[in-house]
Amino acid sequence: MSKVCIVCEKHKVIGGHTARRGMARIKGGAGRKITGRSRRTFKPNVHRVKIVDTRGRITTAYVCAKCLKAGKVKKAR
């Protein structure tokens, strides 16, 4: 099972990180120079919780913290 929110389908997103050196021009330097670029992943804040589904059964699912806080799923007791 992948770490995807079952409510809003939030999932892992691939982005980038830029490494820079030097002082900014506005601060009196010669400008920021790019020294490297690397790929990275942005992972969602998902939790494995027991929820009550639409049929009334208790199942385990991954739900993101935003959906849990908003009350979009009913947690099992």
Protein backbone atom coordinates (compact mmCIF):
# COMPACT_ATOMS: atom_id res chain seq x y z
CA MET A 1 0.00 0.00 0.00
CA SER A 2 1.45 3.35 -1.00
CA LYS A 3 1.48 6.34 1.34
CA VAL A 4 -1.42 8.21 -0.28
CA CYS A 5 -4.28 9.93 1.56
CA ILE A 6 -7.55 8.11 0.81
CA VAL A 7 -9.59 11.32 1.15
CA CYS A 8 -7.73 13.97 -0.86
CA GLU A 9 -5.30 11.63 -2.68
CA LYS A 10 -2.27 13.62 -1.53
CA HIS A 11 0.91 11.81 -2.58
CA LYS A 12 4.66 12.14 -2.96
CA VAL A 13 5.80 14.96 -5.28
CA ILE A 14 9.24 15.29 -6.87
CA GLY A 15 10.92 18.69 -6.84
CA GLY A 16 14.37 20.18 -6.75
CA HIS A 17 16.89 21.79 -4.41
CA THR A 18 19.32 24.48 -5.58
CA ALA A 19 22.58 24.94 -3.66
CA ARG A 20 24.01 28.46 -3.81
CA ARG A 21 27.09 30.31 -2.56
CA GLY A 22 28.08 33.96 -2.28
CA MET A 23 26.50 37.11 -0.91
CA ALA A 24 23.43 38.70 -2.46
CA ARG A 25 23.90 41.90 -4.52
CA ILE A 26 21.48 43.83 -2.33
CA LYS A 27 23.75 43.10 0.64
CA GLY A 28 26.88 44.33 -1.15
CA GLY A 29 28.12 41.09 -2.71
CA ALA A 30 28.74 39.99 -6.28
CA GLY A 31 25.55 37.90 -6.39
CA ARG A 32 24.51 34.39 -5.52
CA LYS A 33 26.00 31.65 -7.73
CA ILE A 34 24.41 28.25 -8.27
CA THR A 35 26.83 25.46 -7.32
CA GLY A 36 24.56 22.45 -7.71
CA ARG A 37 21.09 21.16 -8.30
CA SER A 38 19.65 17.95 -6.90
CA ARG A 39 16.30 16.20 -7.05
CA ARG A 40 14.32 15.63 -3.86
CA THR A 41 10.92 14.38 -2.81
CA PHE A 42 8.23 16.17 -0.86
CA LYS A 43 6.37 13.59 1.23
CA PRO A 44 2.85 14.15 2.61
CA ASN A 45 2.12 14.04 6.34
CA VAL A 46 0.03 10.85 6.28
CA HIS A 47 -0.87 8.71 9.29
CA ARG A 48 -2.05 5.13 9.44
CA VAL A 49 -5.34 5.24 11.35
CA LYS A 50 -8.32 2.98 11.95
CA ILE A 51 -11.42 4.56 10.43
CA VAL A 52 -15.09 3.73 10.04
CA ASP A 53 -15.93 3.49 6.32
CA THR A 54 -19.25 4.26 4.63
CA ARG A 55 -20.59 0.75 5.29
CA GLY A 56 -19.80 0.98 9.01
CA ARG A 57 -16.81 -1.37 8.91
CA ILE A 58 -13.54 -0.59 10.69
CA THR A 59 -10.58 -0.47 8.29
CA THR A 60 -7.02 0.75 8.45
CA ALA A 61 -6.11 3.50 6.01
CA TYR A 62 -3.64 6.29 5.37
CA VAL A 63 -5.09 9.75 6.01
CA CYS A 64 -3.20 13.04 5.86
CA ALA A 65 -3.05 15.30 8.90
CA LYS A 66 -5.05 18.03 7.15
CA CYS A 67 -8.01 15.69 6.54
CA LEU A 68 -7.81 14.30 10.08
CA LYS A 69 -7.87 17.80 11.58
CA ALA A 70 -10.78 18.86 9.33
CA GLY A 71 -12.81 15.83 10.43
CA LYS A 72 -13.27 14.40 6.93
CA VAL A 73 -12.97 10.84 8.28
CA LYS A 74 -14.46 9.24 11.39
CA LYS A 75 -11.85 7.54 13.56
CA ALA A 76 -12.73 4.18 15.08
CA ARG A 77 -12.81 3.96 18.86
